[in-house]
Amino acid sequence: MEELLKGILGINGGTIFMFIIAGILIYLAIAKEYEPTLLLPIGFGAILANIPFSNALGSDGVLSILYNAGIKTELFPVLIFIAVGAMIDFGPLLKNPFMLFFGAAAQFGIFATMLVAILLGFDLPEAATIGIIGAADGPTSIVVAQKLAAGLIAPITVAAYSYMALVPIIQPPVVKLLTTKNERLIRMEYTEVKVPKSVKLLFPIVVTILAGLIAPSSVALVGFLMFGNLIRECGVLERLSKSAQNELANLVTILLGITIGSTMVAEEFLKPRTLLIIGLGLVAFIFDTAGGVIFAKILNLFLKNKINPMIGAAGISAFPMSARVIQQMATKEDPSNFIIAQSISANVAGQLGSIVAGGMILALVPTFM
């Protein structure tokens, strides 16, 4: 009888609180449809990890095996990047390369949040890991956290994916605060340009080489992202491209989500530092959005053909959510104003910018340790 009641008797306040957090994540996934492919597995993984005496954890536990095989080795994140690369059409960015600058400007939140975290008492590797939440890029956040501060991987990952899901709530107030109505009404001309297939084929190869030379630590992330894109664009691997976009993406997302959830053990997760990290993650997203918008406003001081500053906010890596949010805001101000092409270009640039920023952090931070 005692053995049968062991699980019930092992329940404590922390267990109940983690069940509530898991329930909230599952609710947001189902009722609000906020990143359901990730929040639902993360929430359920948290339940599995917090059941007292759960055999899903431990040396022989399936979740621990998945963590050691997929997260510690960075296998799951790079496989996700193959799928993401196969899904992304870099055509809009190639038609308007100027948007690359917005992908860089919107990484401001990473480095600003690093400074704030250091001022709050975190050491440099921890601060860098917290700052990378601002990349709005789950796989990059996982890789950086695993390399620099593995003990923070649970709150870092949960914050990164949760805030990505909340982009429609986080970004609009920041954009409105930093722009005037007249700025939000700015129209941008769009000229259709046909991108030669040779350019689309060379792009992933050239980007991989250049990014690798600038930030060798980003080779795995950038390389697998670009490999996925090359599969998409080559025209002779249609079956593999569809498999990467569907079967590979779905399978790895399920395993990644439930494994991340398994790191949310009450004893480690319910600490004041966790709440501080999650709060700093929100700061990083706000700084990212603000950095892109302010960069666009500065450019407008020198440009004859003005840029709608809202475009700058789409420079974060949350693709394609951020681009959709910016277009929705533009439509709300003026139903006939379409800036979706420019928003997508900036959003795609943000994908590249976040990975390169993560690679730079991995390359530079250890030199100061």
Protein backbone atom coordinates (compact mmCIF):
# COMPACT_ATOMS: atom_id res chain seq x y z
CA MET A 1 0.00 0.00 0.00
CA GLU A 2 2.81 2.39 0.85
CA GLU A 3 4.32 1.81 -2.59
CA LEU A 4 0.97 2.60 -4.23
CA LEU A 5 0.66 5.86 -2.28
CA LYS A 6 4.29 6.90 -2.77
CA GLY A 7 3.50 9.18 -5.70
CA ILE A 8 0.59 10.89 -3.94
CA LEU A 9 2.56 11.37 -0.73
CA GLY A 10 5.42 12.87 -2.73
CA ILE A 11 3.30 15.78 -3.99
CA ASN A 12 4.30 19.17 -2.53
CA GLY A 13 3.69 22.82 -3.25
CA GLY A 14 6.35 22.94 -5.93
CA THR A 15 4.81 19.98 -7.73
CA ILE A 16 1.37 21.59 -7.76
CA PHE A 17 2.78 24.92 -8.92
CA MET A 18 4.62 23.25 -11.82
CA PHE A 19 1.44 21.41 -12.77
CA ILE A 20 -0.29 24.81 -12.91
CA ILE A 21 2.48 26.26 -15.11
CA ALA A 22 2.27 23.22 -17.38
CA GLY A 23 -1.50 23.65 -17.55
CA ILE A 24 -1.11 27.30 -18.55
CA LEU A 25 1.28 26.37 -21.36
CA ILE A 26 -1.11 23.70 -22.64
CA TYR A 27 -4.03 26.16 -22.37
CA LEU A 28 -2.17 28.80 -24.38
CA ALA A 29 -1.32 26.17 -27.00
CA ILE A 30 -4.89 24.88 -27.39
CA ALA A 31 -7.19 27.78 -26.54
CA LYS A 32 -5.05 30.67 -27.85
CA GLU A 33 -3.08 28.72 -30.47
CA TYR A 34 0.18 30.33 -29.31
CA GLU A 35 2.96 28.17 -30.84
CA PRO A 36 0.91 25.00 -30.11
CA THR A 37 3.47 22.69 -31.73
CA LEU A 38 5.94 23.65 -29.00
CA LEU A 39 4.02 24.90 -25.99
CA LEU A 40 1.84 21.78 -25.79
CA PRO A 41 4.78 19.30 -25.76
CA ILE A 42 6.71 21.56 -23.36
CA GLY A 43 3.73 21.70 -21.01
CA PHE A 44 3.19 17.95 -21.10
CA GLY A 45 6.91 17.31 -20.66
CA ALA A 46 6.78 19.46 -17.51
CA ILE A 47 3.97 17.28 -16.15
CA LEU A 48 5.96 14.11 -16.81
CA ALA A 49 9.05 15.57 -15.12
CA ASN A 50 7.24 16.72 -11.98
CA ILE A 51 5.25 13.61 -11.14
CA PRO A 52 6.94 12.40 -7.93
CA PHE A 53 9.36 9.51 -8.53
CA SER A 54 8.74 9.70 -12.28
CA ASN A 55 10.67 7.00 -14.11
CA ALA A 56 10.74 9.25 -17.20
CA LEU A 57 13.79 10.92 -15.62
CA GLY A 58 17.01 9.45 -14.30
CA SER A 59 19.82 7.54 -15.95
CA ASP A 60 17.41 5.11 -17.64
CA GLY A 61 14.51 7.57 -18.07
CA VAL A 62 13.37 8.14 -21.62
CA LEU A 63 13.28 11.94 -21.21
CA SER A 64 16.82 11.98 -19.81
CA ILE A 65 17.97 9.83 -22.72
CA LEU A 66 16.33 12.23 -25.18
CA TYR A 67 17.96 15.19 -23.41
CA ASN A 68 21.42 13.66 -23.51
CA ALA A 69 21.05 12.54 -27.12
CA GLY A 70 19.24 15.55 -28.56
CA ILE A 71 19.92 18.66 -26.47
CA LYS A 72 23.38 18.09 -25.02
CA THR A 73 24.69 17.10 -28.45
CA GLU A 74 22.76 19.97 -30.13
CA LEU A 75 21.24 17.38 -32.51
CA PHE A 76 17.62 18.53 -32.19
CA PRO A 77 18.34 22.25 -32.81
CA VAL A 78 20.40 21.64 -35.95
CA LEU A 79 17.82 19.19 -37.32
CA ILE A 80 15.17 21.84 -36.74
CA PHE A 81 17.29 24.26 -38.74
CA ILE A 82 17.31 21.88 -41.73
CA ALA A 83 13.51 21.95 -41.61
CA VAL A 84 13.37 25.74 -41.17
CA GLY A 85 15.79 26.25 -44.05
CA ALA A 86 13.62 24.09 -46.29
CA MET A 87 10.60 26.19 -45.34
CA ILE A 88 12.14 29.64 -45.89
CA ASP A 89 12.05 31.42 -49.21
CA PHE A 90 14.93 33.89 -49.21
CA GLY A 91 13.58 35.42 -52.42
CA PRO A 92 12.05 38.50 -50.72
CA LEU A 93 15.40 39.25 -49.05
CA LEU A 94 17.36 38.73 -52.27
CA LYS A 95 15.00 41.14 -54.03
CA ASN A 96 15.64 43.74 -51.35
CA PRO A 97 19.08 43.10 -49.74
CA PHE A 98 18.91 46.46 -47.97
CA MET A 99 16.64 44.76 -45.42
CA LEU A 100 19.65 42.86 -44.08
CA PHE A 101 20.43 45.94 -41.99
CA PHE A 102 17.12 45.55 -40.16
CA GLY A 103 17.95 41.93 -39.38
CA ALA A 104 21.12 43.20 -37.73
CA ALA A 105 19.56 46.19 -35.94
CA ALA A 106 16.86 44.05 -34.33
CA GLN A 107 19.52 42.03 -32.51
CA PHE A 108 20.14 45.07 -30.29
CA GLY A 109 18.08 43.49 -27.53
CA ILE A 110 20.52 40.59 -27.16
CA PHE A 111 23.45 42.79 -26.22
CA ALA A 112 21.46 45.39 -24.28
CA THR A 113 19.94 42.65 -22.12
CA MET A 114 23.39 41.14 -21.57
CA LEU A 115 24.50 44.42 -19.99
CA VAL A 116 21.37 44.61 -17.83
CA ALA A 117 21.86 41.01 -16.67
CA ILE A 118 25.49 41.70 -15.71
CA LEU A 119 24.37 44.74 -13.71
CA LEU A 120 21.87 42.50 -11.90
CA GLY A 121 24.64 40.14 -10.79
CA PHE A 122 24.76 37.42 -13.44
CA ASP A 123 28.18 36.38 -14.66
CA LEU A 124 29.13 36.90 -18.32
CA PRO A 125 28.19 33.41 -19.65
CA GLU A 126 24.85 33.56 -17.83
CA ALA A 127 24.21 37.12 -19.06
CA ALA A 128 25.00 36.10 -22.64
CA THR A 129 22.66 33.13 -22.34
CA ILE A 130 19.88 35.36 -21.03
CA GLY A 131 20.50 37.93 -23.75
CA ILE A 132 20.14 35.33 -26.49
CA ILE A 133 16.44 35.06 -25.62
CA GLY A 134 16.23 38.28 -27.61
CA ALA A 135 17.25 36.36 -30.73
CA ALA A 136 13.62 35.19 -30.86
CA ASP A 137 15.08 31.94 -32.10
CA GLY A 138 14.47 28.82 -30.03
CA PRO A 139 17.16 26.52 -31.49
CA THR A 140 19.84 29.22 -31.22
CA SER A 141 18.83 29.88 -27.61
CA ILE A 142 19.15 26.15 -26.82
CA VAL A 143 22.61 25.87 -28.38
CA VAL A 144 23.97 28.98 -26.62
CA ALA A 145 22.46 27.97 -23.28
CA GLN A 146 23.84 24.44 -23.54
CA LYS A 147 27.35 25.77 -24.31
CA LEU A 148 27.55 28.62 -21.79
CA ALA A 149 25.10 27.96 -18.95
CA ALA A 150 23.45 24.55 -19.16
CA GLY A 151 21.80 25.05 -15.78
CA LEU A 152 19.65 27.84 -17.24
CA ILE A 153 18.42 25.92 -20.26
CA ALA A 154 14.89 25.38 -18.89
CA PRO A 155 13.95 29.01 -18.17
CA ILE A 156 15.86 30.26 -21.24
CA THR A 157 14.07 27.92 -23.62
CA VAL A 158 10.63 28.36 -22.07
CA ALA A 159 11.04 32.15 -22.18
CA ALA A 160 12.29 32.11 -25.79
CA TYR A 161 9.45 30.00 -27.16
CA SER A 162 6.77 31.62 -24.98
CA TYR A 163 7.71 35.14 -26.06
CA MET A 164 7.92 34.05 -29.70
CA ALA A 165 4.32 32.90 -29.32
CA LEU A 166 3.40 36.23 -27.70
CA VAL A 167 4.85 38.42 -30.47
CA PRO A 168 1.33 39.62 -31.46
CA ILE A 169 0.91 40.91 -27.90
CA ILE A 170 4.43 42.20 -27.19
CA GLN A 171 5.32 44.07 -30.38
CA PRO A 172 2.32 46.35 -31.16
CA PRO A 173 2.49 48.45 -27.96
CA VAL A 174 6.24 48.98 -28.37
CA VAL A 175 5.87 49.97 -32.03
CA LYS A 176 3.02 52.37 -31.27
CA LEU A 177 4.97 53.94 -28.41
CA LEU A 178 7.93 54.71 -30.67
CA THR A 179 6.09 55.84 -33.82
CA THR A 180 3.60 58.51 -34.78
CA LYS A 181 0.44 57.82 -36.76
CA ASN A 182 1.94 59.58 -39.79
CA GLU A 183 4.97 57.31 -39.62
CA ARG A 184 2.77 54.23 -39.45
CA LEU A 185 0.93 55.46 -42.56
CA ILE A 186 4.10 55.68 -44.67
CA ARG A 187 3.75 53.74 -47.91
CA MET A 188 6.69 51.93 -49.40
CA GLU A 189 7.06 51.24 -53.09
CA TYR A 190 7.62 47.65 -54.09
CA THR A 191 9.02 46.67 -57.46
CA GLU A 192 8.84 43.02 -58.43
CA VAL A 193 12.30 41.71 -59.28
CA LYS A 194 12.93 38.23 -60.63
CA VAL A 195 15.74 36.53 -58.74
CA PRO A 196 17.80 34.23 -61.04
CA LYS A 197 17.90 30.60 -59.94
CA SER A 198 21.69 30.73 -59.91
CA VAL A 199 21.53 33.42 -57.22
CA LYS A 200 19.14 31.34 -55.11
CA LEU A 201 21.50 28.38 -55.41
CA LEU A 202 24.64 30.35 -54.61
CA PHE A 203 23.08 32.25 -51.70
CA PRO A 204 23.05 29.40 -49.12
CA ILE A 205 26.56 28.31 -50.10
CA VAL A 206 28.05 31.82 -49.94
CA VAL A 207 26.26 32.68 -46.67
CA THR A 208 27.53 29.47 -45.05
CA ILE A 209 31.12 30.23 -46.04
CA LEU A 210 31.00 33.92 -45.04
CA ALA A 211 29.19 33.30 -41.74
CA GLY A 212 31.58 30.46 -40.95
CA LEU A 213 34.61 32.66 -41.58
CA ILE A 214 33.23 35.52 -39.48
CA ALA A 215 31.84 33.37 -36.66
CA PRO A 216 33.08 29.76 -36.86
CA SER A 217 30.92 28.87 -33.86
CA SER A 218 27.84 29.50 -36.01
CA VAL A 219 28.79 26.95 -38.68
CA ALA A 220 26.51 24.17 -37.38
CA LEU A 221 23.47 26.44 -37.12
CA VAL A 222 23.99 28.51 -40.26
CA GLY A 223 25.24 25.53 -42.24
CA PHE A 224 22.27 23.30 -41.52
CA LEU A 225 19.82 26.17 -42.10
CA MET A 226 21.41 26.86 -45.47
CA PHE A 227 21.63 23.15 -46.28
CA GLY A 228 17.87 22.93 -45.80
CA ASN A 229 17.41 25.95 -48.06
CA LEU A 230 19.66 24.46 -50.74
CA ILE A 231 17.52 21.31 -50.69
CA ARG A 232 14.50 23.56 -51.28
CA GLU A 233 16.00 25.63 -54.08
CA CYS A 234 18.00 23.06 -56.04
CA GLY A 235 14.89 21.74 -57.80
CA VAL A 236 16.02 18.11 -57.90
CA LEU A 237 15.26 17.10 -54.29
CA GLU A 238 11.56 17.89 -54.09
CA ARG A 239 10.81 14.75 -52.07
CA LEU A 240 13.55 15.52 -49.53
CA SER A 241 12.47 19.16 -49.34
CA LYS A 242 8.90 18.17 -48.50
CA SER A 243 10.13 15.58 -45.99
CA ALA A 244 12.27 18.21 -44.25
CA GLN A 245 9.37 20.67 -44.14
CA ASN A 246 6.88 18.11 -42.83
CA GLU A 247 8.02 14.78 -41.40
CA LEU A 248 11.39 15.96 -40.10
CA ALA A 249 10.01 19.22 -38.70
CA ASN A 250 7.08 17.51 -37.00
CA LEU A 251 9.04 14.65 -35.46
CA VAL A 252 11.91 16.76 -34.13
CA THR A 253 9.52 19.43 -32.83
CA ILE A 254 7.62 16.84 -30.79
CA LEU A 255 10.83 15.41 -29.31
CA LEU A 256 12.37 18.84 -28.76
CA GLY A 257 9.30 20.22 -27.01
CA ILE A 258 8.72 17.34 -24.63
CA THR A 259 12.46 17.15 -23.82
CA ILE A 260 12.60 20.86 -23.01
CA GLY A 261 9.56 20.43 -20.78
CA SER A 262 11.38 17.68 -18.90
CA THR A 263 13.99 20.21 -17.74
CA MET A 264 11.30 22.17 -15.85
CA VAL A 265 11.76 20.26 -12.60
CA ALA A 266 10.33 22.19 -9.63
CA GLU A 267 13.52 22.05 -7.55
CA GLU A 268 15.47 23.81 -10.30
CA PHE A 269 12.78 25.89 -11.96
CA LEU A 270 11.09 27.51 -8.96
CA LYS A 271 13.84 29.90 -7.96
CA PRO A 272 13.81 33.72 -7.81
CA ARG A 273 16.49 33.75 -10.52
CA THR A 274 14.10 31.92 -12.86
CA LEU A 275 11.50 34.67 -12.59
CA LEU A 276 14.23 37.26 -13.13
CA ILE A 277 15.48 35.43 -16.23
CA ILE A 278 11.97 35.22 -17.69
CA GLY A 279 11.49 38.93 -16.97
CA LEU A 280 14.79 39.77 -18.67
CA GLY A 281 13.66 37.72 -21.66
CA LEU A 282 10.72 40.07 -22.06
CA VAL A 283 13.11 43.02 -21.80
CA ALA A 284 15.20 41.47 -24.59
CA PHE A 285 12.18 41.18 -26.90
CA ILE A 286 11.18 44.79 -26.18
CA PHE A 287 14.72 46.03 -26.84
CA ASP A 288 14.86 44.05 -30.09
CA THR A 289 11.65 45.60 -31.33
CA ALA A 290 12.71 49.07 -30.23
CA GLY A 291 16.16 48.69 -31.81
CA GLY A 292 14.69 47.90 -35.22
CA VAL A 293 12.14 50.71 -35.09
CA ILE A 294 14.64 53.33 -33.91
CA PHE A 295 17.12 52.24 -36.61
CA ALA A 296 14.46 52.83 -39.27
CA LYS A 297 13.65 56.26 -37.82
CA ILE A 298 17.33 57.22 -37.91
CA LEU A 299 17.59 56.13 -41.55
CA ASN A 300 14.59 58.28 -42.40
CA LEU A 301 16.57 61.35 -41.39
CA PHE A 302 18.79 60.77 -44.43
CA LEU A 303 16.54 59.02 -46.93
CA LYS A 304 14.41 60.73 -49.56
CA ASN A 305 12.08 57.75 -49.89
CA LYS A 306 11.00 57.17 -46.29
CA ILE A 307 10.80 53.75 -44.65
CA ASN A 308 7.80 52.79 -42.58
CA PRO A 309 9.51 52.42 -39.15
CA MET A 310 7.28 49.48 -38.28
CA ILE A 311 9.37 47.44 -40.74
CA GLY A 312 12.26 47.61 -38.26
CA ALA A 313 10.27 45.61 -35.71
CA ALA A 314 10.00 42.73 -38.20
CA GLY A 315 13.78 42.32 -38.09
CA ILE A 316 13.54 39.86 -35.20
CA SER A 317 13.83 36.15 -35.94
CA ALA A 318 10.24 35.18 -35.06
CA PHE A 319 9.31 34.14 -38.61
CA PRO A 320 6.73 34.70 -40.01
CA MET A 321 4.78 35.91 -36.97
CA SER A 322 6.47 39.28 -36.74
CA ALA A 323 5.98 40.08 -40.44
CA ARG A 324 2.27 39.25 -40.13
CA VAL A 325 1.91 41.42 -37.03
CA ILE A 326 3.49 44.43 -38.78
CA GLN A 327 1.24 44.04 -41.82
CA GLN A 328 -1.81 43.78 -39.56
CA MET A 329 -0.79 47.01 -37.83
CA ALA A 330 -0.32 48.74 -41.19
CA THR A 331 -3.72 47.52 -42.39
CA LYS A 332 -5.34 48.77 -39.21
CA GLU A 333 -3.94 52.25 -39.83
CA ASP A 334 -4.72 52.19 -43.56
CA PRO A 335 -6.49 49.18 -45.14
CA SER A 336 -4.85 49.93 -48.50
CA ASN A 337 -1.27 50.03 -47.22
CA PHE A 338 0.62 46.82 -47.96
CA ILE A 339 4.12 46.45 -46.54
CA ILE A 340 4.10 42.66 -46.21
CA ALA A 341 6.87 42.16 -48.79
CA GLN A 342 9.25 44.47 -46.93
CA SER A 343 8.21 42.98 -43.58
CA ILE A 344 8.97 39.45 -44.75
CA SER A 345 12.34 40.58 -46.12
CA ALA A 346 13.27 42.07 -42.75
CA ASN A 347 11.93 39.00 -40.93
CA VAL A 348 14.02 36.62 -43.06
CA ALA A 349 17.06 38.83 -42.45
CA GLY A 350 16.35 38.47 -38.74
CA GLN A 351 16.66 34.69 -39.07
CA LEU A 352 20.20 35.10 -40.34
CA GLY A 353 21.03 37.90 -37.91
CA SER A 354 20.01 35.90 -34.85
CA ILE A 355 22.13 32.89 -35.82
CA VAL A 356 25.20 35.01 -36.55
CA ALA A 357 24.69 36.89 -33.26
CA GLY A 358 24.51 33.56 -31.43
CA GLY A 359 27.69 32.41 -33.16
CA MET A 360 29.48 35.62 -32.21
CA ILE A 361 28.48 35.19 -28.58
CA LEU A 362 29.75 31.60 -28.58
CA ALA A 363 33.02 32.78 -30.15
CA LEU A 364 33.64 35.85 -27.98
CA VAL A 365 32.27 35.08 -24.51
CA PRO A 366 34.68 32.18 -23.76
CA THR A 367 37.63 34.49 -24.49
CA PHE A 368 36.62 36.66 -21.51
CA MET A 369 36.00 33.77 -19.12
